[in-house]
Structure formats: structure tokens, C-alpha cells
All heavy atoms as atom14 arrays in JSON, in Angstrom:
{
  "sequence": "SDRLTDAFGTTAAQLGTLHAAFFLIYAVAQIPTGVLADRFGP",
  "atom14_mask": [
    [1, 1, 1, 1, 1, 1, 0, 0, 0, 0, 0, 0, 0, 0],
    [1, 1, 1, 1, 1, 1, 1, 1, 0, 0, 0, 0, 0, 0],
    [1, 1, 1, 1, 1, 1, 1, 1, 1, 1, 1, 0, 0, 0],
    [1, 1, 1, 1, 1, 1, 1, 1, 0, 0, 0, 0, 0, 0],
    [1, 1, 1, 1, 1, 1, 1, 0, 0, 0, 0, 0, 0, 0],
    [1, 1, 1, 1, 1, 1, 1, 1, 0, 0, 0, 0, 0, 0],
    [1, 1, 1, 1, 1, 0, 0, 0, 0, 0, 0, 0, 0, 0],
    [1, 1, 1, 1, 1, 1, 1, 1, 1, 1, 1, 0, 0, 0],
    [1, 1, 1, 1, 0, 0, 0, 0, 0, 0, 0, 0, 0, 0],
    [1, 1, 1, 1, 1, 1, 1, 0, 0, 0, 0, 0, 0, 0],
    [1, 1, 1, 1, 1, 1, 1, 0, 0, 0, 0, 0, 0, 0],
    [1, 1, 1, 1, 1, 0, 0, 0, 0, 0, 0, 0, 0, 0],
    [1, 1, 1, 1, 1, 0, 0, 0, 0, 0, 0, 0, 0, 0],
    [1, 1, 1, 1, 1, 1, 1, 1, 1, 0, 0, 0, 0, 0],
    [1, 1, 1, 1, 1, 1, 1, 1, 0, 0, 0, 0, 0, 0],
    [1, 1, 1, 1, 0, 0, 0, 0, 0, 0, 0, 0, 0, 0],
    [1, 1, 1, 1, 1, 1, 1, 0, 0, 0, 0, 0, 0, 0],
    [1, 1, 1, 1, 1, 1, 1, 1, 0, 0, 0, 0, 0, 0],
    [1, 1, 1, 1, 1, 1, 1, 1, 1, 1, 0, 0, 0, 0],
    [1, 1, 1, 1, 1, 0, 0, 0, 0, 0, 0, 0, 0, 0],
    [1, 1, 1, 1, 1, 0, 0, 0, 0, 0, 0, 0, 0, 0],
    [1, 1, 1, 1, 1, 1, 1, 1, 1, 1, 1, 0, 0, 0],
    [1, 1, 1, 1, 1, 1, 1, 1, 1, 1, 1, 0, 0, 0],
    [1, 1, 1, 1, 1, 1, 1, 1, 0, 0, 0, 0, 0, 0],
    [1, 1, 1, 1, 1, 1, 1, 1, 0, 0, 0, 0, 0, 0],
    [1, 1, 1, 1, 1, 1, 1, 1, 1, 1, 1, 1, 0, 0],
    [1, 1, 1, 1, 1, 0, 0, 0, 0, 0, 0, 0, 0, 0],
    [1, 1, 1, 1, 1, 1, 1, 0, 0, 0, 0, 0, 0, 0],
    [1, 1, 1, 1, 1, 0, 0, 0, 0, 0, 0, 0, 0, 0],
    [1, 1, 1, 1, 1, 1, 1, 1, 1, 0, 0, 0, 0, 0],
    [1, 1, 1, 1, 1, 1, 1, 1, 0, 0, 0, 0, 0, 0],
    [1, 1, 1, 1, 1, 1, 1, 0, 0, 0, 0, 0, 0, 0],
    [1, 1, 1, 1, 1, 1, 1, 0, 0, 0, 0, 0, 0, 0],
    [1, 1, 1, 1, 0, 0, 0, 0, 0, 0, 0, 0, 0, 0],
    [1, 1, 1, 1, 1, 1, 1, 0, 0, 0, 0, 0, 0, 0],
    [1, 1, 1, 1, 1, 1, 1, 1, 0, 0, 0, 0, 0, 0],
    [1, 1, 1, 1, 1, 0, 0, 0, 0, 0, 0, 0, 0, 0],
    [1, 1, 1, 1, 1, 1, 1, 1, 0, 0, 0, 0, 0, 0],
    [1, 1, 1, 1, 1, 1, 1, 1, 1, 1, 1, 0, 0, 0],
    [1, 1, 1, 1, 1, 1, 1, 1, 1, 1, 1, 0, 0, 0],
    [1, 1, 1, 1, 0, 0, 0, 0, 0, 0, 0, 0, 0, 0],
    [1, 1, 1, 1, 1, 1, 1, 0, 0, 0, 0, 0, 0, 0]
  ],
  "atom14_positions": [
    [[-0.08, -53.94, 64.2], [-1.53, -53.73, 64.27], [-1.96, -52.97, 65.52], [-2.78, -52.05, 65.45], [-2.27, -55.08, 64.2], [-1.9, -55.92, 65.27], [0.0, 0.0, 0.0], [0.0, 0.0, 0.0], [0.0, 0.0, 0.0], [0.0, 0.0, 0.0], [0.0, 0.0, 0.0], [0.0, 0.0, 0.0], [0.0, 0.0, 0.0], [0.0, 0.0, 0.0]],
    [[-1.41, -53.33, 66.7], [-1.84, -52.64, 67.92], [-1.38, -51.18, 67.91], [-2.12, -50.29, 68.33], [-1.32, -53.38, 69.16], [0.2, -53.52, 69.19], [0.82, -53.49, 68.1], [0.76, -53.67, 70.29], [0.0, 0.0, 0.0], [0.0, 0.0, 0.0], [0.0, 0.0, 0.0], [0.0, 0.0, 0.0], [0.0, 0.0, 0.0], [0.0, 0.0, 0.0]],
    [[-0.18, -50.92, 67.42], [0.32, -49.55, 67.37], [-0.42, -48.71, 66.34], [-0.7, -47.53, 66.57], [1.83, -49.55, 67.09], [2.65, -50.05, 68.28], [4.08, -50.32, 67.91], [4.9, -50.58, 69.1], [4.96, -51.76, 69.7], [4.26, -52.78, 69.24], [5.73, -51.93, 70.77], [0.0, 0.0, 0.0], [0.0, 0.0, 0.0], [0.0, 0.0, 0.0]],
    [[-0.76, -49.31, 65.21], [-1.51, -48.58, 64.19], [-2.94, -48.31, 64.67], [-3.49, -47.23, 64.42], [-1.53, -49.38, 62.89], [-0.17, -49.6, 62.22], [-0.31, -50.47, 60.97], [0.49, -48.27, 61.86], [0.0, 0.0, 0.0], [0.0, 0.0, 0.0], [0.0, 0.0, 0.0], [0.0, 0.0, 0.0], [0.0, 0.0, 0.0], [0.0, 0.0, 0.0]],
    [[-3.54, -49.28, 65.37], [-4.87, -49.07, 65.94], [-4.84, -47.92, 66.94], [-5.74, -47.06, 66.95], [-5.37, -50.36, 66.62], [-5.48, -51.4, 65.65], [-6.73, -50.14, 67.28], [0.0, 0.0, 0.0], [0.0, 0.0, 0.0], [0.0, 0.0, 0.0], [0.0, 0.0, 0.0], [0.0, 0.0, 0.0], [0.0, 0.0, 0.0], [0.0, 0.0, 0.0]],
    [[-3.8, -47.88, 67.75], [-3.67, -46.81, 68.74], [-3.37, -45.46, 68.09], [-3.93, -44.43, 68.46], [-2.56, -47.17, 69.73], [-2.39, -46.12, 70.82], [-3.34, -45.92, 71.6], [-1.31, -45.51, 70.89], [0.0, 0.0, 0.0], [0.0, 0.0, 0.0], [0.0, 0.0, 0.0], [0.0, 0.0, 0.0], [0.0, 0.0, 0.0], [0.0, 0.0, 0.0]],
    [[-2.5, -45.47, 67.07], [-2.09, -44.21, 66.44], [-3.2, -43.58, 65.61], [-3.35, -42.35, 65.58], [-0.86, -44.44, 65.56], [0.0, 0.0, 0.0], [0.0, 0.0, 0.0], [0.0, 0.0, 0.0], [0.0, 0.0, 0.0], [0.0, 0.0, 0.0], [0.0, 0.0, 0.0], [0.0, 0.0, 0.0], [0.0, 0.0, 0.0], [0.0, 0.0, 0.0]],
    [[-3.99, -44.42, 64.94], [-4.97, -43.89, 64.0], [-6.42, -44.21, 64.37], [-7.34, -43.83, 63.65], [-4.67, -44.41, 62.59], [-3.27, -44.11, 62.12], [-2.39, -45.14, 61.8], [-2.83, -42.8, 62.01], [-1.1, -44.87, 61.37], [-1.53, -42.52, 61.59], [-0.66, -43.54, 61.27], [0.0, 0.0, 0.0], [0.0, 0.0, 0.0], [0.0, 0.0, 0.0]],
    [[-6.63, -44.94, 65.48], [-7.99, -45.25, 65.94], [-8.79, -46.08, 64.95], [-9.96, -45.78, 64.7], [0.0, 0.0, 0.0], [0.0, 0.0, 0.0], [0.0, 0.0, 0.0], [0.0, 0.0, 0.0], [0.0, 0.0, 0.0], [0.0, 0.0, 0.0], [0.0, 0.0, 0.0], [0.0, 0.0, 0.0], [0.0, 0.0, 0.0], [0.0, 0.0, 0.0]],
    [[-8.2, -47.14, 64.42], [-8.84, -47.9, 63.35], [-9.78, -48.98, 63.87], [-9.57, -49.55, 64.95], [-7.78, -48.58, 62.46], [-7.01, -49.48, 63.26], [-6.86, -47.56, 61.83], [0.0, 0.0, 0.0], [0.0, 0.0, 0.0], [0.0, 0.0, 0.0], [0.0, 0.0, 0.0], [0.0, 0.0, 0.0], [0.0, 0.0, 0.0], [0.0, 0.0, 0.0]],
    [[-10.81, -49.28, 63.08], [-11.61, -50.49, 63.27], [-10.91, -51.64, 62.54], [-9.9, -51.44, 61.86], [-13.02, -50.31, 62.68], [-12.89, -50.15, 61.25], [-13.71, -49.08, 63.27], [0.0, 0.0, 0.0], [0.0, 0.0, 0.0], [0.0, 0.0, 0.0], [0.0, 0.0, 0.0], [0.0, 0.0, 0.0], [0.0, 0.0, 0.0], [0.0, 0.0, 0.0]],
    [[-11.48, -52.85, 62.67], [-10.89, -54.0, 61.96], [-10.94, -53.79, 60.46], [-9.98, -54.1, 59.74], [-11.63, -55.28, 62.35], [0.0, 0.0, 0.0], [0.0, 0.0, 0.0], [0.0, 0.0, 0.0], [0.0, 0.0, 0.0], [0.0, 0.0, 0.0], [0.0, 0.0, 0.0], [0.0, 0.0, 0.0], [0.0, 0.0, 0.0], [0.0, 0.0, 0.0]],
    [[-12.08, -53.28, 59.96], [-12.19, -53.05, 58.52], [-11.19, -51.99, 58.06], [-10.57, -52.12, 56.99], [-13.61, -52.63, 58.16], [0.0, 0.0, 0.0], [0.0, 0.0, 0.0], [0.0, 0.0, 0.0], [0.0, 0.0, 0.0], [0.0, 0.0, 0.0], [0.0, 0.0, 0.0], [0.0, 0.0, 0.0], [0.0, 0.0, 0.0], [0.0, 0.0, 0.0]],
    [[-11.0, -50.93, 58.85], [-10.02, -49.9, 58.49], [-8.6, -50.43, 58.53], [-7.78, -50.1, 57.67], [-10.17, -48.69, 59.42], [-11.42, -47.87, 59.17], [-11.61, -46.78, 60.21], [-11.25, -46.94, 61.38], [-12.17, -45.66, 59.78], [0.0, 0.0, 0.0], [0.0, 0.0, 0.0], [0.0, 0.0, 0.0], [0.0, 0.0, 0.0], [0.0, 0.0, 0.0]],
    [[-8.31, -51.25, 59.53], [-6.98, -51.85, 59.59], [-6.76, -52.77, 58.4], [-5.68, -52.78, 57.79], [-6.82, -52.63, 60.9], [-5.43, -53.25, 61.16], [-4.36, -52.17, 61.22], [-5.45, -54.06, 62.46], [0.0, 0.0, 0.0], [0.0, 0.0, 0.0], [0.0, 0.0, 0.0], [0.0, 0.0, 0.0], [0.0, 0.0, 0.0], [0.0, 0.0, 0.0]],
    [[-7.79, -53.53, 58.04], [-7.69, -54.38, 56.85], [-7.48, -53.57, 55.59], [-6.72, -53.95, 54.7], [0.0, 0.0, 0.0], [0.0, 0.0, 0.0], [0.0, 0.0, 0.0], [0.0, 0.0, 0.0], [0.0, 0.0, 0.0], [0.0, 0.0, 0.0], [0.0, 0.0, 0.0], [0.0, 0.0, 0.0], [0.0, 0.0, 0.0], [0.0, 0.0, 0.0]],
    [[-8.15, -52.41, 55.5], [-7.99, -51.54, 54.34], [-6.59, -50.94, 54.3], [-5.98, -50.84, 53.22], [-9.04, -50.42, 54.36], [-10.35, -51.0, 54.35], [-8.89, -49.49, 53.17], [0.0, 0.0, 0.0], [0.0, 0.0, 0.0], [0.0, 0.0, 0.0], [0.0, 0.0, 0.0], [0.0, 0.0, 0.0], [0.0, 0.0, 0.0], [0.0, 0.0, 0.0]],
    [[-6.07, -50.52, 55.46], [-4.71, -49.99, 55.52], [-3.72, -51.05, 55.06], [-2.8, -50.76, 54.28], [-4.4, -49.55, 56.96], [-2.97, -49.05, 57.23], [-2.65, -47.83, 56.37], [-2.79, -48.73, 58.71], [0.0, 0.0, 0.0], [0.0, 0.0, 0.0], [0.0, 0.0, 0.0], [0.0, 0.0, 0.0], [0.0, 0.0, 0.0], [0.0, 0.0, 0.0]],
    [[-3.9, -52.27, 55.53], [-3.05, -53.38, 55.11], [-3.2, -53.63, 53.6], [-2.22, -53.82, 52.89], [-3.45, -54.63, 55.89], [-2.74, -55.88, 55.48], [-1.42, -56.14, 55.78], [-3.17, -56.96, 54.76], [-1.07, -57.32, 55.3], [-2.11, -57.83, 54.67], [0.0, 0.0, 0.0], [0.0, 0.0, 0.0], [0.0, 0.0, 0.0], [0.0, 0.0, 0.0]],
    [[-4.46, -53.58, 53.11], [-4.73, -53.93, 51.72], [-4.36, -52.83, 50.74], [-4.26, -53.1, 49.54], [-6.22, -54.27, 51.57], [0.0, 0.0, 0.0], [0.0, 0.0, 0.0], [0.0, 0.0, 0.0], [0.0, 0.0, 0.0], [0.0, 0.0, 0.0], [0.0, 0.0, 0.0], [0.0, 0.0, 0.0], [0.0, 0.0, 0.0], [0.0, 0.0, 0.0]],
    [[-4.15, -51.59, 51.22], [-3.79, -50.49, 50.31], [-2.53, -50.84, 49.52], [-2.42, -50.55, 48.33], [-3.58, -49.21, 51.1], [0.0, 0.0, 0.0], [0.0, 0.0, 0.0], [0.0, 0.0, 0.0], [0.0, 0.0, 0.0], [0.0, 0.0, 0.0], [0.0, 0.0, 0.0], [0.0, 0.0, 0.0], [0.0, 0.0, 0.0], [0.0, 0.0, 0.0]],
    [[-1.59, -51.49, 50.18], [-0.37, -51.98, 49.51], [-0.74, -52.9, 48.36], [-0.27, -52.75, 47.23], [0.49, -52.7, 50.54], [1.72, -53.37, 49.99], [2.97, -52.82, 50.2], [1.65, -54.56, 49.27], [4.11, -53.44, 49.71], [2.76, -55.18, 48.77], [4.01, -54.61, 48.99], [0.0, 0.0, 0.0], [0.0, 0.0, 0.0], [0.0, 0.0, 0.0]],
    [[-1.61, -53.86, 48.63], [-1.9, -54.92, 47.66], [-2.78, -54.45, 46.53], [-2.69, -54.96, 45.41], [-2.52, -56.11, 48.39], [-1.61, -56.69, 49.44], [-1.82, -56.43, 50.78], [-0.53, -57.46, 49.08], [-0.98, -56.94, 51.75], [0.32, -57.99, 50.04], [0.1, -57.72, 51.37], [0.0, 0.0, 0.0], [0.0, 0.0, 0.0], [0.0, 0.0, 0.0]],
    [[-3.67, -53.47, 46.79], [-4.52, -52.95, 45.73], [-3.68, -52.3, 44.64], [-3.83, -52.6, 43.45], [-5.51, -51.94, 46.32], [-6.41, -51.23, 45.3], [-7.28, -52.23, 44.56], [-7.27, -50.17, 45.99], [0.0, 0.0, 0.0], [0.0, 0.0, 0.0], [0.0, 0.0, 0.0], [0.0, 0.0, 0.0], [0.0, 0.0, 0.0], [0.0, 0.0, 0.0]],
    [[-2.78, -51.4, 45.04], [-1.9, -50.77, 44.06], [-0.99, -51.8, 43.42], [-0.73, -51.76, 42.21], [-1.07, -49.65, 44.74], [-2.0, -48.6, 45.34], [-0.11, -49.03, 43.75], [-2.91, -47.92, 44.34], [0.0, 0.0, 0.0], [0.0, 0.0, 0.0], [0.0, 0.0, 0.0], [0.0, 0.0, 0.0], [0.0, 0.0, 0.0], [0.0, 0.0, 0.0]],
    [[-0.49, -52.72, 44.22], [0.39, -53.78, 43.73], [-0.3, -54.57, 42.63], [0.29, -54.85, 41.58], [0.76, -54.67, 44.91], [1.95, -55.58, 44.71], [3.14, -55.35, 45.38], [1.88, -56.7, 43.89], [4.23, -56.19, 45.24], [2.96, -57.55, 43.73], [4.13, -57.28, 44.41], [5.2, -58.13, 44.25], [0.0, 0.0, 0.0], [0.0, 0.0, 0.0]],
    [[-1.56, -54.93, 42.86], [-2.29, -55.73, 41.88], [-2.54, -54.96, 40.6], [-2.34, -55.48, 39.49], [-3.61, -56.2, 42.49], [0.0, 0.0, 0.0], [0.0, 0.0, 0.0], [0.0, 0.0, 0.0], [0.0, 0.0, 0.0], [0.0, 0.0, 0.0], [0.0, 0.0, 0.0], [0.0, 0.0, 0.0], [0.0, 0.0, 0.0], [0.0, 0.0, 0.0]],
    [[-2.97, -53.72, 40.73], [-3.28, -52.9, 39.55], [-2.05, -52.71, 38.68], [-2.14, -52.66, 37.45], [-3.86, -51.53, 39.99], [-3.95, -50.58, 38.82], [-5.24, -51.72, 40.63], [0.0, 0.0, 0.0], [0.0, 0.0, 0.0], [0.0, 0.0, 0.0], [0.0, 0.0, 0.0], [0.0, 0.0, 0.0], [0.0, 0.0, 0.0], [0.0, 0.0, 0.0]],
    [[-0.88, -52.63, 39.31], [0.35, -52.33, 38.58], [0.99, -53.54, 37.93], [1.97, -53.38, 37.17], [1.36, -51.66, 39.52], [0.0, 0.0, 0.0], [0.0, 0.0, 0.0], [0.0, 0.0, 0.0], [0.0, 0.0, 0.0], [0.0, 0.0, 0.0], [0.0, 0.0, 0.0], [0.0, 0.0, 0.0], [0.0, 0.0, 0.0], [0.0, 0.0, 0.0]],
    [[0.49, -54.75, 38.16], [1.22, -55.92, 37.72], [1.35, -56.05, 36.21], [2.44, -56.31, 35.69], [0.58, -57.19, 38.3], [0.87, -57.42, 39.76], [2.35, -57.38, 40.07], [3.09, -58.28, 39.71], [2.79, -56.32, 40.73], [0.0, 0.0, 0.0], [0.0, 0.0, 0.0], [0.0, 0.0, 0.0], [0.0, 0.0, 0.0], [0.0, 0.0, 0.0]],
    [[0.27, -55.91, 35.46], [0.37, -56.06, 34.01], [1.21, -54.94, 33.39], [2.08, -55.21, 32.56], [-1.02, -56.17, 33.37], [-1.66, -57.51, 33.8], [-0.94, -56.08, 31.85], [-3.06, -57.72, 33.28], [0.0, 0.0, 0.0], [0.0, 0.0, 0.0], [0.0, 0.0, 0.0], [0.0, 0.0, 0.0], [0.0, 0.0, 0.0], [0.0, 0.0, 0.0]],
    [[1.01, -53.66, 33.78], [1.96, -52.63, 33.31], [3.41, -52.96, 33.66], [4.32, -52.7, 32.88], [1.48, -51.36, 34.01], [0.03, -51.58, 34.25], [-0.09, -53.05, 34.54], [0.0, 0.0, 0.0], [0.0, 0.0, 0.0], [0.0, 0.0, 0.0], [0.0, 0.0, 0.0], [0.0, 0.0, 0.0], [0.0, 0.0, 0.0], [0.0, 0.0, 0.0]],
    [[3.6, -53.56, 34.84], [4.95, -53.96, 35.24], [5.52, -54.99, 34.28], [6.7, -54.93, 33.9], [4.93, -54.53, 36.66], [4.64, -53.48, 37.58], [6.27, -55.15, 37.03], [0.0, 0.0, 0.0], [0.0, 0.0, 0.0], [0.0, 0.0, 0.0], [0.0, 0.0, 0.0], [0.0, 0.0, 0.0], [0.0, 0.0, 0.0], [0.0, 0.0, 0.0]],
    [[4.69, -55.96, 33.87], [5.15, -56.94, 32.91], [5.59, -56.31, 31.6], [6.6, -56.69, 31.01], [0.0, 0.0, 0.0], [0.0, 0.0, 0.0], [0.0, 0.0, 0.0], [0.0, 0.0, 0.0], [0.0, 0.0, 0.0], [0.0, 0.0, 0.0], [0.0, 0.0, 0.0], [0.0, 0.0, 0.0], [0.0, 0.0, 0.0], [0.0, 0.0, 0.0]],
    [[4.82, -55.31, 31.15], [5.18, -54.59, 29.93], [6.51, -53.86, 30.12], [7.41, -53.92, 29.27], [4.07, -53.6, 29.54], [4.5, -52.78, 28.32], [2.77, -54.35, 29.26], [0.0, 0.0, 0.0], [0.0, 0.0, 0.0], [0.0, 0.0, 0.0], [0.0, 0.0, 0.0], [0.0, 0.0, 0.0], [0.0, 0.0, 0.0], [0.0, 0.0, 0.0]],
    [[6.65, -53.17, 31.27], [7.89, -52.43, 31.54], [9.09, -53.37, 31.65], [10.17, -53.08, 31.13], [7.74, -51.63, 32.83], [6.76, -50.45, 32.78], [6.57, -49.87, 34.18], [7.25, -49.37, 31.83], [0.0, 0.0, 0.0], [0.0, 0.0, 0.0], [0.0, 0.0, 0.0], [0.0, 0.0, 0.0], [0.0, 0.0, 0.0], [0.0, 0.0, 0.0]],
    [[8.89, -54.51, 32.35], [9.99, -55.46, 32.51], [10.43, -56.04, 31.17], [11.62, -56.23, 30.92], [9.57, -56.59, 33.46], [0.0, 0.0, 0.0], [0.0, 0.0, 0.0], [0.0, 0.0, 0.0], [0.0, 0.0, 0.0], [0.0, 0.0, 0.0], [0.0, 0.0, 0.0], [0.0, 0.0, 0.0], [0.0, 0.0, 0.0], [0.0, 0.0, 0.0]],
    [[9.45, -56.31, 30.28], [9.79, -56.84, 28.97], [10.53, -55.82, 28.11], [11.42, -56.17, 27.33], [8.51, -57.28, 28.23], [7.95, -58.6, 28.77], [8.7, -59.35, 29.39], [6.75, -58.85, 28.56], [0.0, 0.0, 0.0], [0.0, 0.0, 0.0], [0.0, 0.0, 0.0], [0.0, 0.0, 0.0], [0.0, 0.0, 0.0], [0.0, 0.0, 0.0]],
    [[10.19, -54.53, 28.24], [10.73, -53.51, 27.34], [12.0, -52.84, 27.89], [12.92, -52.54, 27.13], [9.67, -52.43, 27.06], [8.58, -52.9, 26.11], [7.58, -51.8, 25.83], [8.2, -50.63, 25.21], [8.52, -50.52, 23.92], [8.28, -51.52, 23.1], [9.07, -49.41, 23.45], [0.0, 0.0, 0.0], [0.0, 0.0, 0.0], [0.0, 0.0, 0.0]],
    [[12.06, -52.58, 29.19], [13.14, -51.75, 29.73], [14.12, -52.49, 30.63], [15.21, -51.99, 30.91], [12.55, -50.54, 30.48], [11.73, -49.66, 29.61], [10.35, -49.61, 29.75], [12.31, -48.87, 28.64], [9.58, -48.8, 28.94], [11.55, -48.05, 27.83], [10.18, -48.01, 27.97], [0.0, 0.0, 0.0], [0.0, 0.0, 0.0], [0.0, 0.0, 0.0]],
    [[13.75, -53.66, 31.11], [14.68, -54.48, 31.85], [14.83, -54.12, 33.32], [14.29, -53.12, 33.8], [0.0, 0.0, 0.0], [0.0, 0.0, 0.0], [0.0, 0.0, 0.0], [0.0, 0.0, 0.0], [0.0, 0.0, 0.0], [0.0, 0.0, 0.0], [0.0, 0.0, 0.0], [0.0, 0.0, 0.0], [0.0, 0.0, 0.0], [0.0, 0.0, 0.0]],
    [[15.59, -54.93, 34.05], [15.64, -54.82, 35.51], [16.43, -53.62, 36.02], [16.18, -53.16, 37.14], [16.3, -56.13, 35.94], [17.14, -56.53, 34.76], [16.34, -56.09, 33.56], [0.0, 0.0, 0.0], [0.0, 0.0, 0.0], [0.0, 0.0, 0.0], [0.0, 0.0, 0.0], [0.0, 0.0, 0.0], [0.0, 0.0, 0.0], [0.0, 0.0, 0.0]]
  ]
}
């Protein structure tokens, strides 16, 4: 967090958004992932 704040000049909300970018895509992809896992395997 301190290095990212220094590197990109983030506020708390921006740092939270940077952290959450992972989880937003992760969440959206879950149900398609279930379909893929059921059909194509690991």
C-alpha cells in the first residue's frame, strides 16, 4: 500500500479501487467459470 501510494499518488478510495479491481473481475467471471469447469475440466 505505501509503495503503491507513492508510485501512483493514490487516495484511500483509489487504493481501495486498485485493490478491488481484482475482485470485481473475479466476481463477474465466477458463473461463467462454473460453466467452463463443468464442460471443459481442470
